[in-house]
Amino acid sequence: MPGRLKIILAFALLGFLAGVIAYVTYKEVIPVLIKSFPFLLSTEWFISGLAGAGFTLILIVLWAYVSKQ
């Protein structure tokens, strides 16, 4: 299998897994968090911080897999 096709399929798989994780988070985890911490999850700064932390973690993990050090 050519190298480019492997990379495209790897990114397709990563995108699929990210979608599944986002779906499970939306359906299962967020309602539990809202019930447990309604005062904290209603603030915009906290939600923005969570989104930024998640995005940064995704970028770091991708960078770690791509770099060859």
C-alpha atoms as a PDB file:
ATOM      1  CA  MET A   1       0.000   0.000   0.000  1.00  0.00           C
ATOM      2  CA  PRO A   2       1.535   3.348  -0.993  1.00  0.00           C
ATOM      3  CA  GLY A   3       2.619   5.730   1.759  1.00  0.00           C
ATOM      4  CA  ARG A   4       0.090   8.453   0.995  1.00  0.00           C
ATOM      5  CA  LEU A   5      -2.814   6.056   1.102  1.00  0.00           C
ATOM      6  CA  LYS A   6      -1.691   4.795   4.516  1.00  0.00           C
ATOM      7  CA  ILE A   7      -1.562   8.347   5.858  1.00  0.00           C
ATOM      8  CA  ILE A   8      -4.980   9.201   4.432  1.00  0.00           C
ATOM      9  CA  LEU A   9      -6.493   6.059   5.939  1.00  0.00           C
ATOM     10  CA  ALA A  10      -4.798   6.759   9.281  1.00  0.00           C
ATOM     11  CA  PHE A  11      -6.287  10.263   9.384  1.00  0.00           C
ATOM     12  CA  ALA A  12      -9.677   8.895   8.369  1.00  0.00           C
ATOM     13  CA  LEU A  13      -9.485   6.433  11.264  1.00  0.00           C
ATOM     14  CA  LEU A  14      -8.417   9.186  13.682  1.00  0.00           C
ATOM     15  CA  GLY A  15     -11.295  11.363  12.495  1.00  0.00           C
ATOM     16  CA  PHE A  16     -13.752   8.509  12.950  1.00  0.00           C
ATOM     17  CA  LEU A  17     -12.473   7.832  16.473  1.00  0.00           C
ATOM     18  CA  ALA A  18     -12.641  11.529  17.333  1.00  0.00           C
ATOM     19  CA  GLY A  19     -16.253  11.589  16.151  1.00  0.00           C
ATOM     20  CA  VAL A  20     -17.165   8.547  18.234  1.00  0.00           C
ATOM     21  CA  ILE A  21     -15.489  10.031  21.319  1.00  0.00           C
ATOM     22  CA  ALA A  22     -17.265  13.356  20.772  1.00  0.00           C
ATOM     23  CA  TYR A  23     -20.612  11.562  20.450  1.00  0.00           C
ATOM     24  CA  VAL A  24     -20.114   9.518  23.616  1.00  0.00           C
ATOM     25  CA  THR A  25     -18.946  12.611  25.477  1.00  0.00           C
ATOM     26  CA  TYR A  26     -21.987  14.566  24.330  1.00  0.00           C
ATOM     27  CA  LYS A  27     -24.479  11.815  25.159  1.00  0.00           C
ATOM     28  CA  GLU A  28     -23.019  10.313  28.341  1.00  0.00           C
ATOM     29  CA  VAL A  29     -20.357  12.420  30.046  1.00  0.00           C
ATOM     30  CA  ILE A  30     -21.694  15.961  29.731  1.00  0.00           C
ATOM     31  CA  PRO A  31     -25.126  15.241  31.325  1.00  0.00           C
ATOM     32  CA  VAL A  32     -23.403  13.622  34.315  1.00  0.00           C
ATOM     33  CA  LEU A  33     -21.067  16.591  34.692  1.00  0.00           C
ATOM     34  CA  ILE A  34     -23.941  19.068  34.449  1.00  0.00           C
ATOM     35  CA  LYS A  35     -25.854  17.213  37.166  1.00  0.00           C
ATOM     36  CA  SER A  36     -22.767  16.992  39.373  1.00  0.00           C
ATOM     37  CA  PHE A  37     -21.414  20.517  38.899  1.00  0.00           C
ATOM     38  CA  PRO A  38     -24.211  22.767  37.578  1.00  0.00           C
ATOM     39  CA  PHE A  39     -22.657  25.969  38.938  1.00  0.00           C
ATOM     40  CA  LEU A  40     -19.264  25.334  37.343  1.00  0.00           C
ATOM     41  CA  LEU A  41     -20.355  24.148  33.922  1.00  0.00           C
ATOM     42  CA  SER A  42     -22.697  27.083  33.434  1.00  0.00           C
ATOM     43  CA  THR A  43     -19.829  29.563  33.322  1.00  0.00           C
ATOM     44  CA  GLU A  44     -18.490  30.424  29.880  1.00  0.00           C
ATOM     45  CA  TRP A  45     -14.851  30.658  30.941  1.00  0.00           C
ATOM     46  CA  PHE A  46     -14.846  27.082  32.235  1.00  0.00           C
ATOM     47  CA  ILE A  47     -16.404  25.664  29.077  1.00  0.00           C
ATOM     48  CA  SER A  48     -13.929  27.609  26.919  1.00  0.00           C
ATOM     49  CA  GLY A  49     -11.061  26.335  29.040  1.00  0.00           C
ATOM     50  CA  LEU A  50     -12.189  22.733  28.604  1.00  0.00           C
ATOM     51  CA  ALA A  51     -12.478  23.172  24.851  1.00  0.00           C
ATOM     52  CA  GLY A  52      -9.019  24.746  24.656  1.00  0.00           C
ATOM     53  CA  ALA A  53      -7.466  22.018  26.788  1.00  0.00           C
ATOM     54  CA  GLY A  54      -9.036  19.282  24.668  1.00  0.00           C
ATOM     55  CA  PHE A  55      -7.922  20.898  21.422  1.00  0.00           C
ATOM     56  CA  THR A  56      -4.379  21.343  22.740  1.00  0.00           C
ATOM     57  CA  LEU A  57      -4.201  17.724  23.861  1.00  0.00           C
ATOM     58  CA  ILE A  58      -5.285  16.546  20.429  1.00  0.00           C
ATOM     59  CA  LEU A  59      -2.598  18.674  18.776  1.00  0.00           C
ATOM     60  CA  ILE A  60       0.098  17.412  21.160  1.00  0.00           C
ATOM     61  CA  VAL A  61      -0.855  13.770  20.602  1.00  0.00           C
ATOM     62  CA  LEU A  62      -0.834  14.246  16.824  1.00  0.00           C
ATOM     63  CA  TRP A  63       2.545  15.966  17.001  1.00  0.00           C
ATOM     64  CA  ALA A  64       3.963  13.153  19.146  1.00  0.00           C
ATOM     65  CA  TYR A  65       2.890  10.534  16.627  1.00  0.00           C
ATOM     66  CA  VAL A  66       4.177  12.496  13.633  1.00  0.00           C
ATOM     67  CA  SER A  67       7.583  13.483  15.054  1.00  0.00           C
ATOM     68  CA  LYS A  68      10.348  10.906  14.874  1.00  0.00           C
ATOM     69  CA  GLN A  69      12.488  11.851  17.886  1.00  0.00           C
END
